[in-house]
Protein backbone atom coordinates (compact mmCIF):
# COMPACT_ATOMS: atom_id res chain seq x y z
CA MET A 1 36.10 8.21 14.22
CA ILE A 2 34.14 11.41 14.50
CA ALA A 3 34.60 13.29 17.73
CA GLU A 4 31.42 14.72 19.18
CA LYS A 5 31.45 18.32 20.28
CA LYS A 6 30.82 18.73 23.97
CA GLY A 7 28.69 21.56 25.23
CA GLU A 8 26.64 21.84 22.04
CA PRO A 9 23.45 19.76 22.21
CA ALA A 10 22.14 18.35 18.96
CA PRO A 11 19.45 20.57 17.45
CA LYS A 12 16.00 19.14 18.03
CA PRO A 13 13.32 19.71 15.39
CA SER A 14 10.44 21.69 16.77
CA PRO A 15 7.11 19.85 16.44
CA GLY A 16 5.22 22.74 14.82
CA THR A 17 7.74 23.67 12.13
CA ALA A 18 8.11 20.31 10.39
CA SER A 19 4.57 19.85 9.11
CA GLY A 20 3.23 23.37 9.32
CA ALA A 21 -0.18 22.18 10.52
CA GLU A 22 -1.57 20.67 13.68
CA ARG A 23 -2.03 16.92 13.67
CA LYS A 24 -5.38 15.46 14.60
CA ALA A 25 -5.58 13.65 17.89
CA TRP A 26 -5.62 9.88 17.62
CA THR A 27 -8.99 8.36 18.33
CA PRO A 28 -9.20 4.60 18.71
CA LYS A 29 -11.49 2.74 16.33
CA SER A 30 -14.20 0.52 17.62
CA PRO A 31 -13.92 -3.21 16.86
CA VAL A 32 -16.79 -2.85 14.37
CA GLU A 33 -14.95 -0.11 12.45
CA THR A 34 -11.78 -2.20 12.43
CA VAL A 35 -13.57 -5.22 10.97
CA LEU A 36 -15.36 -3.08 8.38
CA ASP A 37 -12.02 -1.58 7.30
CA GLN A 38 -10.55 -5.07 6.95
CA ILE A 39 -13.54 -6.12 4.84
CA ARG A 40 -13.15 -3.07 2.56
CA LYS A 41 -9.43 -3.76 2.11
CA GLN A 42 -10.08 -7.43 1.34
CA GLU A 43 -12.78 -6.53 -1.20
CA LYS A 44 -10.37 -4.16 -2.97
CA LYS A 45 -7.66 -6.82 -2.97
CA VAL A 46 -10.02 -9.47 -4.38
CA ALA A 47 -11.26 -7.07 -7.08
CA ALA A 48 -7.68 -6.33 -8.15
CA LEU A 49 -6.79 -10.02 -8.21
CA GLN A 50 -9.96 -10.81 -10.19
CA GLN A 51 -9.03 -8.20 -12.78
CA GLU A 52 -5.52 -9.63 -13.02
CA LEU A 53 -6.93 -13.15 -13.39
CA ASP A 54 -9.26 -12.02 -16.19
CA THR A 55 -6.31 -10.45 -18.00
CA GLU A 56 -4.27 -13.63 -17.64
CA LYS A 57 -7.19 -15.76 -18.90
CA ALA A 58 -7.53 -13.55 -21.98
CA MET A 59 -3.79 -13.90 -22.66
CA LEU A 60 -4.03 -17.68 -22.27
CA GLY A 61 -6.94 -17.80 -24.72
CA LYS A 62 -4.91 -15.89 -27.31
CA LEU A 63 -1.92 -18.16 -26.82
CA LEU A 64 -4.07 -21.28 -27.18
CA GLN A 65 -5.49 -19.93 -30.43
CA ALA A 66 -1.96 -19.30 -31.69
CA LYS A 67 -1.01 -22.85 -30.69
CA LYS A 68 -3.92 -24.25 -32.73
CA VAL A 69 -2.79 -22.24 -35.76
CA LEU A 70 0.79 -23.42 -35.40
CA GLU A 71 -0.20 -27.08 -34.99
CA ALA A 72 -2.48 -27.00 -38.05
């Protein structure tokens, strides 16, 4: 077990030295902004999935052509 030193408090990081810059104050989003952000995220996700699906379909087409050649 590690014995803790008494009388010496643990050093606390100062808030200004860690990042070097002031952080912006948090401002709550309106419900409209929240929904619009969710829509943008979903559109990006769907676009990525669509691209992946197109790639998979192209691969399947190539494999089916190879299957026809092998069966002939």
